[in-house]
Protein backbone atom coordinates (compact mmCIF):
# COMPACT_ATOMS: atom_id res chain seq x y z
CA MET A 1 85.80 115.85 125.10
CA ALA A 2 84.16 116.31 121.73
CA ARG A 3 83.23 113.33 119.62
CA ILE A 4 83.89 113.25 115.90
CA THR A 5 82.75 110.96 113.13
CA GLU A 6 85.18 108.21 114.12
CA ARG A 7 83.34 108.11 117.49
CA GLN A 8 86.52 108.31 119.51
CA PRO A 9 87.04 110.74 122.38
CA VAL A 10 89.34 113.49 121.15
CA GLY A 11 91.00 116.12 123.31
CA SER A 12 91.85 118.29 120.32
CA PRO A 13 90.57 117.62 116.79
CA VAL A 14 93.64 119.18 115.14
CA VAL A 15 95.16 117.34 112.18
CA PHE A 16 97.87 118.09 109.67
CA GLY A 17 97.76 117.33 105.97
CA TYR A 18 100.63 115.74 104.08
CA LEU A 19 101.13 115.73 100.31
CA ARG A 20 103.92 114.29 98.22
CA GLY A 21 104.09 115.11 94.55
CA PRO A 22 106.01 116.47 91.59
CA ALA A 23 107.58 119.91 91.77
CA THR A 24 105.29 121.04 88.93
CA GLY A 25 102.07 120.00 90.67
CA ASP A 26 100.71 123.37 91.89
CA ARG A 27 97.18 122.81 90.55
CA ARG A 28 97.25 119.23 91.76
CA ASP A 29 98.43 120.35 95.20
CA LEU A 30 95.63 122.91 95.42
CA ALA A 31 93.03 120.29 94.48
CA LEU A 32 94.41 117.75 96.95
CA SER A 33 94.65 120.37 99.71
CA ALA A 34 91.00 121.27 99.02
CA ALA A 35 90.04 117.58 99.27
CA ILE A 36 91.86 117.30 102.61
CA LYS A 37 90.16 120.48 103.86
CA ALA A 38 86.72 119.21 102.75
CA TYR A 39 87.34 115.91 104.53
CA CYS A 40 88.32 117.74 107.70
CA ASP A 41 85.24 119.98 107.54
CA GLN A 42 82.99 116.97 106.98
CA HIS A 43 84.50 115.07 109.91
CA GLU A 44 84.73 117.99 112.36
CA LEU A 45 88.52 118.13 112.27
CA PHE A 46 90.60 121.32 112.35
CA LEU A 47 93.29 121.40 109.67
CA GLY A 48 96.36 122.96 111.29
CA GLY A 49 98.34 123.06 108.04
CA VAL A 50 99.47 121.03 105.05
CA PHE A 51 103.04 119.84 104.60
CA THR A 52 103.96 119.46 100.92
CA GLU A 53 106.92 117.37 99.82
CA ARG A 54 108.10 118.24 96.31
CA VAL A 55 109.91 115.42 94.55
CA GLY A 56 111.45 114.57 91.21
CA VAL A 57 111.19 111.09 89.78
CA GLY A 58 112.14 108.71 92.59
CA ASP A 59 113.45 111.47 94.89
CA LEU A 60 112.56 111.82 98.55
CA ASN A 61 112.80 115.06 100.48
CA ASP A 62 112.96 113.83 104.05
CA SER A 63 113.23 117.37 105.45
CA VAL A 64 109.52 118.05 104.84
CA PHE A 65 108.55 114.79 106.50
CA ALA A 66 111.00 115.51 109.35
CA ASN A 67 109.26 118.88 109.84
CA LEU A 68 105.90 117.09 110.00
CA ILE A 69 107.21 114.67 112.63
CA ALA A 70 108.66 117.56 114.66
CA GLU A 71 105.27 119.30 114.55
CA LEU A 72 103.50 116.10 115.60
CA ARG A 73 105.78 115.78 118.63
CA VAL A 74 105.15 119.37 119.71
CA MET A 75 101.44 119.74 118.90
CA GLN A 76 100.32 116.15 119.58
CA PRO A 77 97.45 116.41 117.08
CA TYR A 78 94.73 113.87 116.46
CA GLY A 79 96.20 112.74 113.16
CA VAL A 80 97.70 113.21 109.72
CA VAL A 81 95.37 113.36 106.72
CA LEU A 82 96.60 112.17 103.32
CA PRO A 83 94.85 111.92 99.96
CA SER A 84 96.07 108.29 99.90
CA ARG A 85 98.78 106.20 101.54
CA SER A 86 100.90 106.50 98.40
CA HIS A 87 101.71 110.06 99.50
CA LEU A 88 104.01 108.60 102.15
CA GLY A 89 106.39 107.50 99.41
CA PRO A 90 107.46 104.17 97.93
CA PRO A 91 106.34 101.09 99.89
CA ASN A 92 109.67 100.58 101.66
CA VAL A 93 109.66 104.23 102.82
CA ALA A 94 105.92 104.40 103.55
CA VAL A 95 106.11 101.64 106.18
CA SER A 96 108.77 103.52 108.13
CA ARG A 97 106.87 106.79 107.83
CA GLU A 98 103.64 105.19 109.06
CA GLU A 99 105.51 103.88 112.10
CA GLN A 100 106.98 107.31 112.84
CA ILE A 101 103.53 108.93 112.67
CA SER A 102 102.10 106.24 114.92
CA THR A 103 104.96 106.64 117.41
CA CYS A 104 103.96 110.30 117.75
CA GLY A 105 100.48 109.14 118.81
CA ALA A 106 98.77 110.46 115.67
CA LEU A 107 96.30 108.52 113.55
CA LEU A 108 96.96 108.15 109.85
CA ILE A 109 93.83 109.07 107.89
CA ALA A 110 93.63 108.43 104.13
CA VAL A 111 90.89 110.41 102.39
CA ARG A 112 90.53 107.81 99.63
């Protein structure tokens, strides 16, 4: 088993990124995806992909998050990397989403 910065034994250092933002945020998404990729490179993690949830004001698109959860169940990666916890949605939704990620055995890693 390889060791990474967190000093935990890891069978596979694969992680997935998750972004939630406005439908007009292409530049923002690129910058945040680059920040996630840089974090992964710095911490010896392999970024398997980034799931991007596009939302309007107050909207939630649970299908993107559902696809992330389905991928976590199949791939059993090390974790999910977010720019910040706020990307999980409003506080009442974020708590549930954190629990779902944890139930899949993945760590939740916030870049900032």
